[in-house]
Amino acid sequence: MLRNINRRAAVVGTTLAALAAFGAGTASAASTQTADMCGFVPGNVCYMTADQPGAANLIPGGEPRTFSPAVDITSISNGTGNTQYCVSADVNFSIGPGQEIDLPHNTVMSMTTVSIDTVCPT
């Protein structure tokens, strides 16, 4: 996780430097920094999509989500304290409480809540 934070900090620093070089305002730089660091939002699942880079999306903990059409999710974090999700995607996976996953553009169809330690279909 520390490696992800360091990598994100480097990306944010590079982005801020590029914005400064092109004369972008500090408000734009601040919103970019926040968006690149979705991280854990207590009680929620946070995800970012390829078609809206920098936009953090929240799902209240315990709620399932179906995407129609499917979305290309690049990062997801589970800030819930007790909810595990099975994610139906190009490559299915589960994400438990306190986990964060960076995805190489995985098309997600749905996220379903399941009991902790449930083995999700692959």
N, C-alpha and C. Protein backbone atom coordinates (compact mmCIF):
# COMPACT_ATOMS: atom_id res chain seq x y z
N MET A 1 0.82 -1.18 0.00
CA MET A 1 0.00 0.00 0.00
C MET A 1 0.87 1.25 0.00
N LEU A 2 1.97 1.22 0.74
CA LEU A 2 2.87 2.36 0.77
C LEU A 2 3.41 2.63 -0.63
N ARG A 3 3.67 1.55 -1.39
CA ARG A 3 4.16 1.70 -2.75
C ARG A 3 3.12 2.45 -3.60
N ASN A 4 1.82 2.11 -3.43
CA ASN A 4 0.76 2.78 -4.17
C ASN A 4 0.69 4.25 -3.81
N ILE A 5 0.86 4.56 -2.53
CA ILE A 5 0.82 5.95 -2.08
C ILE A 5 1.98 6.72 -2.68
N ASN A 6 3.18 6.13 -2.65
CA ASN A 6 4.34 6.80 -3.23
C ASN A 6 4.16 7.01 -4.73
N ARG A 7 3.61 6.00 -5.41
CA ARG A 7 3.39 6.12 -6.85
C ARG A 7 2.36 7.21 -7.13
N ARG A 8 1.28 7.24 -6.35
CA ARG A 8 0.27 8.27 -6.54
C ARG A 8 0.83 9.65 -6.25
N ALA A 9 1.66 9.75 -5.22
CA ALA A 9 2.26 11.05 -4.90
C ALA A 9 3.13 11.52 -6.06
N ALA A 10 3.86 10.59 -6.67
CA ALA A 10 4.71 10.94 -7.82
C ALA A 10 3.85 11.39 -9.00
N VAL A 11 2.74 10.69 -9.24
CA VAL A 11 1.85 11.06 -10.33
C VAL A 11 1.24 12.43 -10.07
N VAL A 12 0.80 12.67 -8.84
CA VAL A 12 0.22 13.97 -8.50
C VAL A 12 1.26 15.07 -8.66
N GLY A 13 2.49 14.82 -8.19
CA GLY A 13 3.55 15.81 -8.33
C GLY A 13 3.84 16.13 -9.78
N THR A 14 3.90 15.10 -10.62
CA THR A 14 4.14 15.30 -12.04
C THR A 14 2.99 16.07 -12.68
N THR A 15 1.76 15.71 -12.31
CA THR A 15 0.59 16.41 -12.84
C THR A 15 0.60 17.87 -12.44
N LEU A 16 0.90 18.14 -11.18
CA LEU A 16 0.94 19.52 -10.71
C LEU A 16 2.02 20.32 -11.44
N ALA A 17 3.17 19.70 -11.65
CA ALA A 17 4.25 20.38 -12.37
C ALA A 17 3.83 20.68 -13.81
N ALA A 18 3.16 19.74 -14.45
CA ALA A 18 2.70 19.95 -15.82
C ALA A 18 1.66 21.06 -15.88
N LEU A 19 0.75 21.07 -14.92
CA LEU A 19 -0.26 22.13 -14.88
C LEU A 19 0.38 23.49 -14.70
N ALA A 20 1.37 23.56 -13.82
CA ALA A 20 2.05 24.83 -13.58
C ALA A 20 2.78 25.29 -14.85
N ALA A 21 3.39 24.35 -15.56
CA ALA A 21 4.12 24.69 -16.78
C ALA A 21 3.20 25.25 -17.86
N PHE A 22 1.96 24.77 -17.89
CA PHE A 22 1.01 25.25 -18.89
C PHE A 22 0.13 26.38 -18.39
N GLY A 23 0.41 26.89 -17.20
CA GLY A 23 -0.30 28.05 -16.69
C GLY A 23 -1.68 27.75 -16.13
N ALA A 24 -1.94 26.50 -15.75
CA ALA A 24 -3.25 26.17 -15.18
C ALA A 24 -3.35 26.77 -13.78
N GLY A 25 -4.56 27.09 -13.38
CA GLY A 25 -4.79 27.70 -12.07
C GLY A 25 -4.62 26.70 -10.94
N THR A 26 -4.45 27.20 -9.73
CA THR A 26 -4.26 26.32 -8.58
C THR A 26 -5.53 25.56 -8.25
N ALA A 27 -6.70 26.07 -8.58
CA ALA A 27 -7.95 25.35 -8.31
C ALA A 27 -7.98 24.04 -9.09
N SER A 28 -7.53 24.07 -10.34
CA SER A 28 -7.49 22.86 -11.14
C SER A 28 -6.50 21.86 -10.56
N ALA A 29 -5.37 22.35 -10.11
CA ALA A 29 -4.37 21.46 -9.52
C ALA A 29 -4.91 20.82 -8.26
N ALA A 30 -5.62 21.57 -7.44
CA ALA A 30 -6.16 21.02 -6.20
C ALA A 30 -7.19 19.94 -6.49
N SER A 31 -8.06 20.15 -7.48
CA SER A 31 -9.07 19.14 -7.78
C SER A 31 -8.42 17.89 -8.36
N THR A 32 -7.35 18.03 -9.11
CA THR A 32 -6.64 16.88 -9.65
C THR A 32 -6.02 16.07 -8.52
N GLN A 33 -5.43 16.73 -7.56
CA GLN A 33 -4.81 16.02 -6.45
C GLN A 33 -5.85 15.21 -5.69
N THR A 34 -6.99 15.80 -5.39
CA THR A 34 -8.04 15.10 -4.65
C THR A 34 -8.53 13.90 -5.44
N ALA A 35 -8.76 14.08 -6.74
CA ALA A 35 -9.32 13.02 -7.56
C ALA A 35 -8.35 11.85 -7.72
N ASP A 36 -7.07 12.13 -7.83
CA ASP A 36 -6.09 11.06 -8.00
C ASP A 36 -5.92 10.23 -6.74
N MET A 37 -6.41 10.70 -5.62
CA MET A 37 -6.21 10.03 -4.34
C MET A 37 -7.56 9.59 -3.78
N CYS A 38 -8.35 8.80 -4.52
CA CYS A 38 -9.68 8.36 -4.08
C CYS A 38 -9.59 7.78 -2.69
N GLY A 39 -8.72 6.82 -2.49
CA GLY A 39 -8.47 6.26 -1.17
C GLY A 39 -9.71 5.73 -0.48
N PHE A 40 -9.65 5.68 0.84
CA PHE A 40 -10.72 5.11 1.63
C PHE A 40 -11.65 6.20 2.13
N VAL A 41 -12.93 6.03 1.85
CA VAL A 41 -13.96 6.92 2.37
C VAL A 41 -14.76 6.09 3.36
N PRO A 42 -14.66 6.39 4.66
CA PRO A 42 -15.30 5.55 5.68
C PRO A 42 -16.77 5.26 5.36
N GLY A 43 -17.11 3.97 5.40
CA GLY A 43 -18.48 3.54 5.17
C GLY A 43 -18.88 3.41 3.71
N ASN A 44 -17.97 3.66 2.78
CA ASN A 44 -18.29 3.64 1.36
C ASN A 44 -17.27 2.86 0.55
N VAL A 45 -17.70 2.43 -0.63
CA VAL A 45 -16.78 1.91 -1.64
C VAL A 45 -16.54 3.07 -2.60
N CYS A 46 -15.29 3.31 -2.91
CA CYS A 46 -14.91 4.39 -3.82
C CYS A 46 -14.29 3.75 -5.07
N TYR A 47 -14.72 4.21 -6.24
CA TYR A 47 -14.11 3.70 -7.47
C TYR A 47 -13.91 4.83 -8.46
N MET A 48 -12.97 4.60 -9.37
CA MET A 48 -12.67 5.57 -10.43
C MET A 48 -12.76 4.85 -11.77
N THR A 49 -13.26 5.55 -12.78
CA THR A 49 -13.45 4.94 -14.09
C THR A 49 -12.52 5.57 -15.13
N ALA A 50 -12.26 4.81 -16.19
CA ALA A 50 -11.37 5.29 -17.25
C ALA A 50 -12.00 6.44 -18.04
N ASP A 51 -13.33 6.44 -18.17
CA ASP A 51 -13.97 7.48 -18.97
C ASP A 51 -14.16 8.80 -18.22
N GLN A 52 -13.95 8.79 -16.90
CA GLN A 52 -14.01 10.01 -16.09
C GLN A 52 -12.78 10.07 -15.20
N PRO A 53 -11.59 10.20 -15.78
CA PRO A 53 -10.38 10.21 -14.96
C PRO A 53 -10.44 11.34 -13.94
N GLY A 54 -10.10 11.00 -12.73
CA GLY A 54 -10.08 12.00 -11.67
C GLY A 54 -11.38 12.17 -10.94
N ALA A 55 -12.45 11.48 -11.37
CA ALA A 55 -13.75 11.60 -10.70
C ALA A 55 -13.95 10.42 -9.76
N ALA A 56 -14.06 10.71 -8.47
CA ALA A 56 -14.30 9.66 -7.48
C ALA A 56 -15.80 9.39 -7.41
N ASN A 57 -16.18 8.12 -7.43
CA ASN A 57 -17.58 7.70 -7.34
C ASN A 57 -17.75 6.89 -6.07
N LEU A 58 -18.85 7.11 -5.35
CA LEU A 58 -19.07 6.42 -4.08
C LEU A 58 -20.30 5.53 -4.14
N ILE A 59 -20.18 4.37 -3.48
CA ILE A 59 -21.30 3.47 -3.26
C ILE A 59 -21.43 3.34 -1.74
N PRO A 60 -22.58 3.69 -1.17
CA PRO A 60 -22.75 3.52 0.28
C PRO A 60 -22.55 2.06 0.67
N GLY A 61 -21.83 1.83 1.76
CA GLY A 61 -21.53 0.48 2.22
C GLY A 61 -22.78 -0.38 2.35
N GLY A 62 -22.70 -1.61 1.86
CA GLY A 62 -23.81 -2.55 1.95
C GLY A 62 -24.73 -2.53 0.74
N GLU A 63 -24.61 -1.52 -0.11
CA GLU A 63 -25.46 -1.45 -1.29
C GLU A 63 -24.79 -2.14 -2.48
N PRO A 64 -25.55 -2.96 -3.22
CA PRO A 64 -25.02 -3.54 -4.45
C PRO A 64 -25.07 -2.48 -5.55
N ARG A 65 -24.40 -2.74 -6.65
CA ARG A 65 -24.42 -1.79 -7.77
C ARG A 65 -24.35 -2.59 -9.07
N THR A 66 -25.22 -2.27 -10.01
CA THR A 66 -25.18 -2.84 -11.35
C THR A 66 -24.89 -1.71 -12.33
N PHE A 67 -23.99 -1.96 -13.25
CA PHE A 67 -23.61 -0.96 -14.24
C PHE A 67 -24.15 -1.38 -15.61
N SER A 68 -24.98 -0.52 -16.20
CA SER A 68 -25.53 -0.80 -17.52
C SER A 68 -25.50 0.48 -18.33
N PRO A 69 -24.59 0.58 -19.27
CA PRO A 69 -23.64 -0.44 -19.68
C PRO A 69 -22.52 -0.60 -18.66
N ALA A 70 -21.75 -1.66 -18.85
CA ALA A 70 -20.61 -1.93 -17.97
C ALA A 70 -19.63 -0.76 -18.01
N VAL A 71 -18.87 -0.58 -16.92
CA VAL A 71 -17.91 0.52 -16.84
C VAL A 71 -16.49 -0.01 -16.70
N ASP A 72 -15.56 0.76 -17.20
CA ASP A 72 -14.14 0.42 -17.13
C ASP A 72 -13.57 1.04 -15.86
N ILE A 73 -13.48 0.24 -14.79
CA ILE A 73 -13.01 0.72 -13.50
C ILE A 73 -11.50 0.54 -13.41
N THR A 74 -10.81 1.60 -12.98
CA THR A 74 -9.35 1.56 -12.90
C THR A 74 -8.83 1.46 -11.47
N SER A 75 -9.66 1.82 -10.49
CA SER A 75 -9.24 1.77 -9.09
C SER A 75 -10.47 1.63 -8.22
N ILE A 76 -10.36 0.81 -7.17
CA ILE A 76 -11.48 0.62 -6.26
C ILE A 76 -10.95 0.42 -4.85
N SER A 77 -11.61 1.04 -3.87
CA SER A 77 -11.24 0.84 -2.48
C SER A 77 -12.50 0.62 -1.66
N ASN A 78 -12.41 -0.26 -0.68
CA ASN A 78 -13.54 -0.61 0.16
C ASN A 78 -13.31 -0.02 1.55
N GLY A 79 -13.97 1.09 1.83
CA GLY A 79 -13.83 1.76 3.12
C GLY A 79 -14.87 1.32 4.13
N THR A 80 -15.60 0.24 3.82
CA THR A 80 -16.58 -0.25 4.78
C THR A 80 -15.87 -1.04 5.87
N GLY A 81 -16.50 -1.16 6.99
CA GLY A 81 -15.88 -1.89 8.09
C GLY A 81 -16.19 -3.37 8.09
N ASN A 82 -17.25 -3.77 7.36
CA ASN A 82 -17.68 -5.16 7.48
C ASN A 82 -18.36 -5.72 6.23
N THR A 83 -18.16 -5.12 5.08
CA THR A 83 -18.85 -5.58 3.87
C THR A 83 -17.84 -6.02 2.81
N GLN A 84 -18.02 -7.25 2.35
CA GLN A 84 -17.20 -7.75 1.24
C GLN A 84 -18.06 -7.72 -0.01
N TYR A 85 -17.43 -7.47 -1.14
CA TYR A 85 -18.12 -7.43 -2.43
C TYR A 85 -17.53 -8.45 -3.38
N CYS A 86 -18.40 -9.11 -4.16
CA CYS A 86 -17.97 -9.89 -5.32
C CYS A 86 -18.18 -8.97 -6.51
N VAL A 87 -17.15 -8.86 -7.33
CA VAL A 87 -17.20 -7.96 -8.48
C VAL A 87 -17.24 -8.81 -9.74
N SER A 88 -18.33 -8.66 -10.50
CA SER A 88 -18.50 -9.37 -11.77
C SER A 88 -17.90 -8.49 -12.86
N ALA A 89 -16.83 -8.99 -13.49
CA ALA A 89 -16.08 -8.17 -14.44
C ALA A 89 -15.42 -9.06 -15.49
N ASP A 90 -14.62 -8.43 -16.37
CA ASP A 90 -13.83 -9.21 -17.32
C ASP A 90 -13.08 -10.30 -16.57
N VAL A 91 -12.48 -9.90 -15.47
CA VAL A 91 -11.82 -10.83 -14.55
C VAL A 91 -12.49 -10.61 -13.20
N ASN A 92 -13.29 -11.59 -12.75
CA ASN A 92 -14.01 -11.46 -11.48
C ASN A 92 -13.04 -11.43 -10.31
N PHE A 93 -13.43 -10.72 -9.25
CA PHE A 93 -12.60 -10.66 -8.05
C PHE A 93 -13.47 -10.25 -6.88
N SER A 94 -12.91 -10.37 -5.68
CA SER A 94 -13.59 -9.89 -4.49
C SER A 94 -12.76 -8.77 -3.88
N ILE A 95 -13.45 -7.90 -3.15
CA ILE A 95 -12.76 -6.84 -2.43
C ILE A 95 -13.39 -6.75 -1.04
N GLY A 96 -12.55 -6.99 -0.04
CA GLY A 96 -13.01 -6.99 1.34
C GLY A 96 -12.84 -5.64 2.00
N PRO A 97 -13.35 -5.52 3.22
CA PRO A 97 -13.21 -4.27 3.95
C PRO A 97 -11.74 -3.88 4.10
N GLY A 98 -11.43 -2.62 3.85
CA GLY A 98 -10.07 -2.12 4.01
C GLY A 98 -9.14 -2.45 2.86
N GLN A 99 -9.65 -3.02 1.78
CA GLN A 99 -8.79 -3.35 0.64
C GLN A 99 -8.89 -2.28 -0.44
N GLU A 100 -7.80 -2.10 -1.17
CA GLU A 100 -7.75 -1.20 -2.31
C GLU A 100 -7.10 -1.94 -3.46
N ILE A 101 -7.67 -1.82 -4.65
CA ILE A 101 -7.16 -2.53 -5.81
C ILE A 101 -7.04 -1.55 -6.98
N ASP A 102 -5.87 -1.51 -7.60
CA ASP A 102 -5.68 -0.76 -8.84
C ASP A 102 -5.82 -1.76 -9.98
N LEU A 103 -6.68 -1.46 -10.92
CA LEU A 103 -7.00 -2.39 -11.99
C LEU A 103 -6.43 -1.91 -13.32
N PRO A 104 -5.97 -2.85 -14.14
CA PRO A 104 -5.52 -2.47 -15.49
C PRO A 104 -6.73 -2.42 -16.43
N HIS A 105 -7.63 -1.50 -16.18
CA HIS A 105 -8.84 -1.32 -17.00
C HIS A 105 -9.65 -2.61 -17.10
N ASN A 106 -10.40 -2.90 -16.06
CA ASN A 106 -11.25 -4.08 -15.99
C ASN A 106 -12.70 -3.64 -16.14
N THR A 107 -13.41 -4.17 -17.13
CA THR A 107 -14.80 -3.80 -17.36
C THR A 107 -15.68 -4.49 -16.33
N VAL A 108 -16.38 -3.69 -15.53
CA VAL A 108 -17.18 -4.19 -14.41
C VAL A 108 -18.67 -4.10 -14.75
N MET A 109 -19.38 -5.22 -14.53
CA MET A 109 -20.82 -5.27 -14.76
C MET A 109 -21.60 -5.04 -13.48
N SER A 110 -21.12 -5.60 -12.34
CA SER A 110 -21.86 -5.45 -11.09
C SER A 110 -20.96 -5.70 -9.89
N MET A 111 -21.45 -5.21 -8.75
CA MET A 111 -20.79 -5.43 -7.46
C MET A 111 -21.89 -5.89 -6.50
N THR A 112 -21.71 -7.07 -5.91
CA THR A 112 -22.71 -7.66 -5.04
C THR A 112 -22.14 -7.85 -3.65
N THR A 113 -22.91 -7.49 -2.62
CA THR A 113 -22.44 -7.69 -1.25
C THR A 113 -22.59 -9.17 -0.89
N VAL A 114 -21.60 -9.68 -0.18
CA VAL A 114 -21.61 -11.07 0.27
C VAL A 114 -21.06 -11.14 1.68
N SER A 115 -21.23 -12.30 2.32
CA SER A 115 -20.68 -12.50 3.66
C SER A 115 -19.16 -12.48 3.60
N ILE A 116 -18.56 -12.00 4.68
CA ILE A 116 -17.10 -11.99 4.78
C ILE A 116 -16.57 -13.40 4.54
N ASP A 117 -15.46 -13.49 3.85
CA ASP A 117 -14.77 -14.74 3.53
C ASP A 117 -15.50 -15.60 2.50
N THR A 118 -16.50 -15.03 1.82
CA THR A 118 -17.16 -15.75 0.73
C THR A 118 -16.19 -15.83 -0.45
N VAL A 119 -16.12 -16.98 -1.07
CA VAL A 119 -15.29 -17.13 -2.27
C VAL A 119 -16.16 -16.75 -3.46
N CYS A 120 -15.76 -15.71 -4.15
CA CYS A 120 -16.51 -15.23 -5.31
C CYS A 120 -16.20 -16.08 -6.53
N PRO A 121 -17.17 -16.25 -7.44
CA PRO A 121 -16.90 -17.01 -8.66
C PRO A 121 -15.81 -16.35 -9.49
N THR A 122 -15.00 -17.16 -10.14
CA THR A 122 -13.93 -16.63 -10.99
C THR A 122 -14.27 -16.82 -12.45
